[in-house]
Amino acid sequence: MRIGVVHETFPGETRVAVVPGTVGTLKKAQLDVLIQAGAGKAAGFSDLEYTEAGATVLPSREEVIASADVVLQVRALGANPEGYQRDLSLAREGQVWIAMMDPLWMPEPVAEAAQKGIIAFALELVPRITRAQPMDVLSSQSNLAGYKAVLLAATSLSKIFPMMMTAAGTITPARVFVIGAGVAGLQAIATARRLGAVVSAYDVRPAVREQVESLGARFVELPLEVEEAQDAGGYARALGEDFYRRQAQMMSSVLPENDVVITTAAVPGQRAPVLITREMVEAMRPGSVIVDLAAERGGNCELTQPGQTVVHEGVIIMGPLNLSATMPYHASQLYARNIASFAVNLLKGGELNLDMEDQIIRDTLLTREGQVVHPRVREKLGLPVSTE
């Protein structure tokens, strides 16, 4: 089978779905690799590197999609709302698409893909099971986002992170509070600690306390009863407005003690829960920094403006978007390994293997035989959950 990789068209997207280092993995699985000329340039990979790795470089997007049995992208369908229709116009019935597709947030493009007759897989839906860890794009990219969030905070804060003992006196370390100890949060904790900050963290899951403390941070306990905080796939579950309201009230005493707050709470397919209110921001010291990693879904801070940095009563509130794309070389390397692992599992022996007993395939499959088949996406579209 022929794998096609095209240049990303989402504004600001600099990553590429396959890097020269993973071409060999795909070829060993009896898959030929076609690359659009310049597809890896923004990430730091030249056409020559792809050619030397064994890929075939084609001059245009149209030629790649027309020649490919399987199209690999970073962003497709709902994850590329301004550009997916052009790609759909080039796709053909029976073609396989694998990418991040944001189907639970923007399900309508999935219905269009079904009408086109393509077989679409959304990598955001890879279940968080042991066998699927090499395919987990959200974890690999969140890891980088957690790292970069701390760097953004450090460059915006009017203080330095580490303690310094100088002839002019001792400088006390900055205090960093991380809300959410998932992949991004844990990396933020580790990075802030490496920079010398005093770090504390909170998560609705008491079980992560050990992970937080193993990184040298203090786990903040809030006396709240927590219902099941994640779904069967291992992703966060919304906990209800009353829970978030009580959580915010209890957290209001913690925020003013810190110089930096990094928030990471997100629920797939839903607006991010508001954890920091205007009043809570106004209680923080001027010069403090909030980095809201949930900005793309509206933000965990009431005052977050997605894609912008705002200042409210002296508090800097940053709402960065697509942080992984600001580090495209390594972000592409990680993503390419994820998608190659997924493709090899799906295309065994160079043939499409739609084994619905495989949880990875079952949980990520969006469309097949002209139908939207994913139950949660069908529900979002108002369709009967059964496809029978």
Protein backbone atom coordinates (compact mmCIF):
# COMPACT_ATOMS: atom_id res chain seq x y z
CA MET A 1 0.00 0.00 0.00
CA ARG A 2 1.05 3.58 -0.58
CA ILE A 3 1.20 6.04 2.30
CA GLY A 4 0.77 9.71 1.37
CA VAL A 5 2.00 12.59 3.53
CA VAL A 6 1.05 16.17 2.68
CA HIS A 7 2.02 19.64 3.83
CA GLU A 8 -0.15 20.85 6.72
CA THR A 9 -2.49 23.73 5.87
CA PHE A 10 -3.84 24.64 9.32
CA PRO A 11 -2.65 28.19 10.14
CA GLY A 12 0.56 28.06 12.17
CA GLU A 13 0.89 24.28 11.95
CA THR A 14 4.57 23.49 11.40
CA ARG A 15 4.59 19.78 12.22
CA VAL A 16 4.66 16.95 9.69
CA ALA A 17 3.10 13.50 10.04
CA VAL A 18 6.12 11.46 8.92
CA VAL A 19 9.79 12.27 9.44
CA PRO A 20 12.71 10.68 7.60
CA GLY A 21 13.48 8.55 10.64
CA THR A 22 10.12 6.74 10.47
CA VAL A 23 10.11 6.10 6.72
CA GLY A 24 12.09 2.91 7.31
CA THR A 25 9.52 1.67 9.86
CA LEU A 26 6.74 2.07 7.32
CA LYS A 27 8.72 0.46 4.51
CA LYS A 28 9.48 -2.57 6.69
CA ALA A 29 5.72 -2.96 7.04
CA GLN A 30 5.46 -3.19 3.21
CA LEU A 31 4.23 0.38 2.87
CA ASP A 32 5.57 2.76 0.22
CA VAL A 33 5.86 6.37 1.36
CA LEU A 34 4.93 9.37 -0.81
CA ILE A 35 5.80 12.85 0.46
CA GLN A 36 4.61 16.19 -0.88
CA ALA A 37 7.60 18.37 -1.72
CA GLY A 38 8.35 20.71 1.18
CA ALA A 39 6.03 18.91 3.61
CA GLY A 40 8.73 18.68 6.27
CA LYS A 41 10.51 21.97 5.64
CA ALA A 42 8.89 23.94 8.49
CA ALA A 43 9.84 21.15 10.91
CA GLY A 44 13.44 21.07 9.73
CA PHE A 45 13.34 18.04 7.40
CA SER A 46 14.44 18.42 3.78
CA ASP A 47 13.13 16.59 0.73
CA LEU A 48 16.61 15.11 0.27
CA GLU A 49 16.44 13.51 3.73
CA TYR A 50 13.14 11.86 2.81
CA THR A 51 14.53 10.62 -0.48
CA GLU A 52 17.62 9.19 1.20
CA ALA A 53 15.35 7.42 3.71
CA GLY A 54 13.52 5.70 0.87
CA ALA A 55 10.46 7.89 0.35
CA THR A 56 9.26 9.23 -2.99
CA VAL A 57 8.85 13.01 -3.15
CA LEU A 58 5.99 14.22 -5.36
CA PRO A 59 5.56 17.86 -6.41
CA SER A 60 1.94 18.55 -5.44
CA ARG A 61 -0.71 17.83 -2.82
CA GLU A 62 -3.08 16.69 -5.53
CA GLU A 63 -0.61 14.10 -6.83
CA VAL A 64 0.12 12.71 -3.36
CA ILE A 65 -3.54 12.28 -2.41
CA ALA A 66 -4.43 10.86 -5.82
CA SER A 67 -1.64 8.28 -5.58
CA ALA A 68 -2.06 7.27 -1.93
CA ASP A 69 -4.11 4.44 -0.48
CA VAL A 70 -3.62 5.93 3.00
CA VAL A 71 -3.21 9.62 3.83
CA LEU A 72 -1.37 10.55 7.04
CA GLN A 73 -1.74 14.08 8.42
CA VAL A 74 -1.24 15.98 11.64
CA ARG A 75 -4.59 17.76 11.30
CA ALA A 76 -7.58 16.75 9.19
CA LEU A 77 -11.36 17.25 9.22
CA GLY A 78 -12.43 19.19 12.33
CA ALA A 79 -8.84 19.76 13.42
CA ASN A 80 -8.31 21.74 10.20
CA PRO A 81 -11.63 23.58 9.83
CA GLU A 82 -10.39 26.01 7.17
CA GLY A 83 -8.68 23.45 4.96
CA TYR A 84 -10.34 20.06 5.26
CA GLN A 85 -12.88 20.59 2.49
CA ARG A 86 -10.17 21.03 -0.12
CA ASP A 87 -8.62 17.74 0.94
CA LEU A 88 -11.99 16.00 0.92
CA SER A 89 -12.49 17.16 -2.65
CA LEU A 90 -9.27 15.33 -3.56
CA ALA A 91 -10.04 12.15 -1.60
CA ARG A 92 -11.64 9.08 -3.11
CA GLU A 93 -13.96 6.37 -1.87
CA GLY A 94 -12.20 3.67 0.15
CA GLN A 95 -9.17 5.81 0.91
CA VAL A 96 -7.92 5.65 4.50
CA TRP A 97 -7.20 8.84 6.45
CA ILE A 98 -5.32 8.86 9.74
CA ALA A 99 -4.82 12.11 11.67
CA MET A 100 -5.95 14.19 14.60
CA MET A 101 -9.50 15.12 13.58
CA ASP A 102 -11.16 16.70 16.63
CA PRO A 103 -14.35 14.70 16.02
CA LEU A 104 -15.96 15.27 19.42
CA TRP A 105 -15.59 19.05 19.17
CA MET A 106 -16.41 19.41 15.45
CA PRO A 107 -18.32 16.32 14.34
CA GLU A 108 -19.86 17.80 11.18
CA PRO A 109 -16.75 17.28 9.00
CA VAL A 110 -16.85 13.59 9.98
CA ALA A 111 -20.29 13.33 8.37
CA GLU A 112 -18.90 14.92 5.21
CA ALA A 113 -16.04 12.43 5.19
CA ALA A 114 -18.53 9.57 5.50
CA GLN A 115 -20.45 10.87 2.50
CA LYS A 116 -17.20 10.91 0.55
CA GLY A 117 -16.72 7.23 1.40
CA ILE A 118 -13.34 7.47 3.10
CA ILE A 119 -12.29 5.38 6.10
CA ALA A 120 -11.24 7.86 8.80
CA PHE A 121 -9.34 7.26 12.05
CA ALA A 122 -8.98 9.94 14.74
CA LEU A 123 -5.77 9.62 16.73
CA GLU A 124 -7.13 11.67 19.65
CA LEU A 125 -9.37 8.71 20.44
CA VAL A 126 -6.58 6.16 20.91
CA PRO A 127 -7.50 4.40 24.19
CA ARG A 128 -5.11 4.87 27.07
CA ILE A 129 -4.23 1.22 27.41
CA THR A 130 -0.75 -0.24 27.68
CA ARG A 131 -0.62 -1.61 24.13
CA ALA A 132 -1.60 1.76 22.68
CA GLN A 133 1.00 3.87 24.49
CA PRO A 134 3.31 4.09 21.42
CA MET A 135 0.34 5.55 19.47
CA ASP A 136 -0.80 8.12 22.04
CA VAL A 137 -0.43 11.44 20.21
CA LEU A 138 -2.14 13.46 22.93
CA SER A 139 0.38 12.34 25.51
CA SER A 140 3.43 12.92 23.33
CA GLN A 141 2.30 16.41 22.32
CA SER A 142 1.03 17.35 25.79
CA ASN A 143 4.43 16.45 27.18
CA LEU A 144 6.01 19.13 25.01
CA ALA A 145 3.26 21.64 25.81
CA GLY A 146 3.86 21.22 29.55
CA TYR A 147 7.55 21.90 29.04
CA LYS A 148 6.98 24.99 26.90
CA ALA A 149 4.34 26.40 29.27
CA VAL A 150 6.96 26.70 32.02
CA LEU A 151 9.39 28.45 29.67
CA LEU A 152 6.69 30.94 28.69
CA ALA A 153 5.95 31.63 32.34
CA ALA A 154 9.64 32.02 33.17
CA THR A 155 10.19 34.59 30.42
CA SER A 156 7.11 36.61 31.44
CA LEU A 157 7.56 36.53 35.21
CA SER A 158 9.33 39.54 36.73
CA LYS A 159 11.25 37.16 39.00
CA ILE A 160 13.72 34.36 38.40
CA PHE A 161 12.79 30.77 39.18
CA PRO A 162 15.77 29.49 41.21
CA MET A 163 17.02 30.56 44.61
CA MET A 164 20.28 32.50 44.35
CA MET A 165 22.69 33.30 47.14
CA THR A 166 24.73 36.34 46.16
CA ALA A 167 26.94 38.95 47.81
CA ALA A 168 23.98 41.29 47.51
CA GLY A 169 21.73 38.91 49.42
CA THR A 170 19.63 35.81 48.83
CA ILE A 171 16.92 35.66 46.19
CA THR A 172 14.06 33.35 47.15
CA PRO A 173 12.81 30.89 44.54
CA ALA A 174 9.62 31.45 42.57
CA ARG A 175 6.56 29.44 43.54
CA VAL A 176 4.72 27.53 40.81
CA PHE A 177 1.30 25.90 41.15
CA VAL A 178 0.23 23.34 38.53
CA ILE A 179 -3.45 22.46 38.24
CA GLY A 180 -3.85 19.03 36.71
CA ALA A 181 -1.24 16.28 36.99
CA GLY A 182 -1.77 14.60 33.67
CA VAL A 183 0.99 14.33 31.07
CA ALA A 184 1.27 18.09 30.51
CA GLY A 185 1.03 18.87 34.20
CA LEU A 186 3.68 16.36 35.22
CA GLN A 187 6.08 17.69 32.60
CA ALA A 188 5.38 21.24 33.78
CA ILE A 189 6.19 20.17 37.34
CA ALA A 190 9.44 18.53 36.26
CA THR A 191 10.52 21.51 34.15
CA ALA A 192 9.72 24.07 36.84
CA ARG A 193 11.65 22.00 39.36
CA ARG A 194 14.65 21.80 37.03
CA LEU A 195 14.57 25.60 36.79
CA GLY A 196 14.69 25.80 40.58
CA ALA A 197 11.14 26.78 41.49
CA VAL A 198 9.23 25.58 44.53
CA VAL A 199 6.38 23.60 42.96
CA SER A 200 3.00 22.42 44.20
CA ALA A 201 0.24 20.72 42.24
CA TYR A 202 -3.38 19.68 42.48
CA ASP A 203 -5.42 17.06 40.68
CA VAL A 204 -8.91 15.69 41.22
CA ARG A 205 -7.41 12.20 41.21
CA PRO A 206 -5.77 11.51 44.60
CA ALA A 207 -3.98 8.55 43.02
CA VAL A 208 -1.53 10.86 41.21
CA ARG A 209 -0.16 12.18 44.49
CA GLU A 210 2.74 9.74 44.36
CA GLN A 211 3.69 10.88 40.84
CA VAL A 212 3.61 14.54 41.86
CA GLU A 213 5.73 13.94 44.94
CA SER A 214 8.21 11.77 43.02
CA LEU A 215 9.02 14.87 40.94
CA GLY A 216 9.77 16.90 44.03
CA ALA A 217 6.51 18.85 44.19
CA ARG A 218 4.01 19.17 47.04
CA PHE A 219 0.57 17.70 46.41
CA VAL A 220 -2.18 20.12 47.44
CA GLU A 221 -5.14 18.37 48.96
CA LEU A 222 -8.59 19.93 48.77
CA PRO A 223 -11.26 18.27 50.93
CA LEU A 224 -13.60 17.42 48.08
CA GLU A 225 -15.34 14.17 47.33
CA VAL A 226 -14.34 13.11 43.82
CA GLU A 227 -16.53 10.93 41.68
CA GLU A 228 -15.01 8.94 38.82
CA ALA A 229 -12.68 11.47 37.16
CA GLN A 230 -11.91 9.58 33.95
CA ASP A 231 -13.82 7.50 31.44
CA ALA A 232 -13.18 3.94 30.29
CA GLY A 233 -10.72 5.19 27.66
CA GLY A 234 -8.58 6.90 30.27
CA TYR A 235 -9.61 10.46 29.37
CA ALA A 236 -10.89 13.16 31.70
CA ARG A 237 -14.59 13.24 32.51
CA ALA A 238 -16.55 16.41 33.32
CA LEU A 239 -17.39 16.53 37.03
CA GLY A 240 -20.28 18.97 37.10
CA GLU A 241 -20.70 22.68 37.78
CA ASP A 242 -21.21 22.28 41.52
CA PHE A 243 -17.93 20.39 41.90
CA TYR A 244 -15.98 23.01 39.94
CA ARG A 245 -17.61 25.82 41.93
CA ARG A 246 -16.63 24.28 45.26
CA GLN A 247 -13.18 23.48 43.93
CA ALA A 248 -12.68 27.11 42.89
CA GLN A 249 -13.74 28.34 46.32
CA MET A 250 -11.20 26.12 48.04
CA MET A 251 -8.47 26.93 45.53
CA SER A 252 -8.89 30.66 46.02
CA SER A 253 -6.69 30.53 49.11
CA VAL A 254 -3.91 28.68 47.28
CA LEU A 255 -3.44 30.90 44.22
CA PRO A 256 -2.25 34.11 45.97
CA GLU A 257 0.66 32.16 47.49
CA ASN A 258 2.11 31.46 44.03
CA ASP A 259 3.95 33.46 41.38
CA VAL A 260 3.01 31.18 38.47
CA VAL A 261 -0.11 29.10 37.88
CA ILE A 262 -0.26 26.60 35.03
CA THR A 263 -3.63 25.06 34.21
CA THR A 264 -4.09 21.91 32.13
CA ALA A 265 -7.68 20.72 32.72
CA ALA A 266 -9.50 19.63 29.56
CA VAL A 267 -12.38 17.27 28.79
CA PRO A 268 -12.54 15.76 25.26
CA GLY A 269 -15.29 17.32 23.17
CA GLN A 270 -16.32 19.87 25.79
CA ARG A 271 -15.48 23.39 26.83
CA ALA A 272 -12.69 23.48 29.39
CA PRO A 273 -13.95 23.82 32.97
CA VAL A 274 -13.44 27.26 34.49
CA LEU A 275 -11.22 26.79 37.52
CA ILE A 276 -9.96 30.34 38.04
CA THR A 277 -12.51 33.15 38.26
CA ARG A 278 -12.00 36.88 37.83
CA GLU A 279 -12.13 37.33 41.60
CA MET A 280 -9.40 34.72 42.06
CA VAL A 281 -7.17 36.49 39.56
CA GLU A 282 -7.73 39.81 41.33
CA ALA A 283 -6.57 38.22 44.61
CA MET A 284 -3.21 37.27 43.07
CA ARG A 285 -0.13 39.47 43.36
CA PRO A 286 0.57 41.89 40.48
CA GLY A 287 3.27 40.43 38.27
CA SER A 288 2.00 36.87 38.71
CA VAL A 289 1.60 34.74 35.60
CA ILE A 290 -1.13 32.30 34.55
CA VAL A 291 -0.42 30.00 31.60
CA ASP A 292 -3.67 28.41 30.47
CA LEU A 293 -3.02 25.27 28.43
CA ALA A 294 -6.76 24.78 27.98
CA ALA A 295 -7.09 28.03 26.00
CA GLU A 296 -8.04 26.22 22.79
CA ARG A 297 -11.23 25.06 24.53
CA GLY A 298 -12.06 28.40 26.09
CA GLY A 299 -9.62 28.21 28.98
CA ASN A 300 -9.53 27.22 32.65
CA CYS A 301 -9.32 30.90 33.59
CA GLU A 302 -12.39 33.08 33.17
CA LEU A 303 -10.24 35.89 31.73
CA THR A 304 -8.24 33.81 29.22
CA GLN A 305 -8.28 35.05 25.64
CA PRO A 306 -7.31 32.14 23.34
CA GLY A 307 -4.16 32.91 21.41
CA GLN A 308 -3.49 36.12 23.33
CA THR A 309 -1.74 37.43 26.40
CA VAL A 310 -3.79 39.79 28.55
CA VAL A 311 -3.01 41.67 31.75
CA HIS A 312 -5.69 42.06 34.41
CA GLU A 313 -4.85 44.17 37.44
CA GLY A 314 -1.19 43.35 36.95
CA VAL A 315 -1.65 39.58 36.49
CA ILE A 316 -0.40 38.24 33.15
CA ILE A 317 -2.76 35.66 31.63
CA MET A 318 -1.41 33.70 28.67
CA GLY A 319 -3.62 31.62 26.40
CA PRO A 320 -1.20 29.88 24.03
CA LEU A 321 -2.50 27.71 21.21
CA ASN A 322 -0.85 24.68 19.57
CA LEU A 323 2.32 24.91 21.65
CA SER A 324 3.72 21.71 20.16
CA ALA A 325 3.93 23.43 16.78
CA THR A 326 6.40 25.92 18.28
CA MET A 327 8.83 23.00 18.67
CA PRO A 328 8.13 21.25 15.36
CA TYR A 329 11.34 19.23 15.02
CA HIS A 330 10.86 17.13 18.12
CA ALA A 331 7.07 17.38 18.06
CA SER A 332 7.11 15.87 14.56
CA GLN A 333 9.51 13.14 15.62
CA LEU A 334 7.19 12.08 18.44
CA TYR A 335 4.03 12.40 16.37
CA ALA A 336 5.58 10.45 13.50
CA ARG A 337 6.46 7.58 15.81
CA ASN A 338 2.92 7.58 17.16
CA ILE A 339 1.28 7.54 13.74
CA ALA A 340 3.73 4.97 12.35
CA SER A 341 2.90 2.61 15.23
CA PHE A 342 -0.79 3.11 14.55
CA ALA A 343 -0.39 2.56 10.80
CA VAL A 344 1.67 -0.61 11.25
CA ASN A 345 -1.00 -2.04 13.57
CA LEU A 346 -3.76 -1.16 11.09
CA LEU A 347 -1.98 -2.13 7.87
CA LYS A 348 -0.53 -5.50 8.73
CA GLY A 349 1.42 -7.12 5.91
CA GLY A 350 0.64 -4.15 3.69
CA GLU A 351 -3.12 -4.83 3.86
CA LEU A 352 -5.90 -2.93 5.63
CA ASN A 353 -6.86 -4.82 8.78
CA LEU A 354 -10.21 -3.58 10.10
CA ASP A 355 -10.27 -5.93 13.08
CA MET A 356 -13.12 -4.62 15.20
CA GLU A 357 -12.02 -6.88 18.05
CA ASP A 358 -8.95 -4.64 18.35
CA GLN A 359 -9.86 -1.91 20.84
CA ILE A 360 -7.42 0.54 19.24
CA ILE A 361 -9.04 0.19 15.82
CA ARG A 362 -12.58 0.10 17.22
CA ASP A 363 -12.18 3.20 19.40
CA THR A 364 -10.55 5.36 16.70
CA LEU A 365 -12.61 4.42 13.63
CA LEU A 366 -14.93 7.28 12.65
CA THR A 367 -16.30 6.39 9.22
CA ARG A 368 -16.73 3.26 7.15
CA GLU A 369 -18.83 2.28 4.13
CA GLY A 370 -20.39 5.72 3.89
CA GLN A 371 -21.47 5.83 7.53
CA VAL A 372 -20.33 7.58 10.70
CA VAL A 373 -19.69 4.54 12.92
CA HIS A 374 -18.19 5.99 16.10
CA PRO A 375 -20.94 5.98 18.79
CA ARG A 376 -19.88 9.23 20.53
CA VAL A 377 -19.59 11.09 17.22
CA ARG A 378 -22.98 9.78 16.09
CA GLU A 379 -24.43 11.05 19.36
CA LYS A 380 -22.87 14.49 18.76
CA LEU A 381 -24.45 14.53 15.29
CA GLY A 382 -27.86 13.59 16.66
CA LEU A 383 -27.79 10.20 14.92
CA PRO A 384 -28.95 6.91 16.46
CA VAL A 385 -26.00 5.41 18.30
CA SER A 386 -26.45 2.03 16.59
CA THR A 387 -25.35 1.91 12.94
CA GLU A 388 -27.46 -1.16 12.22
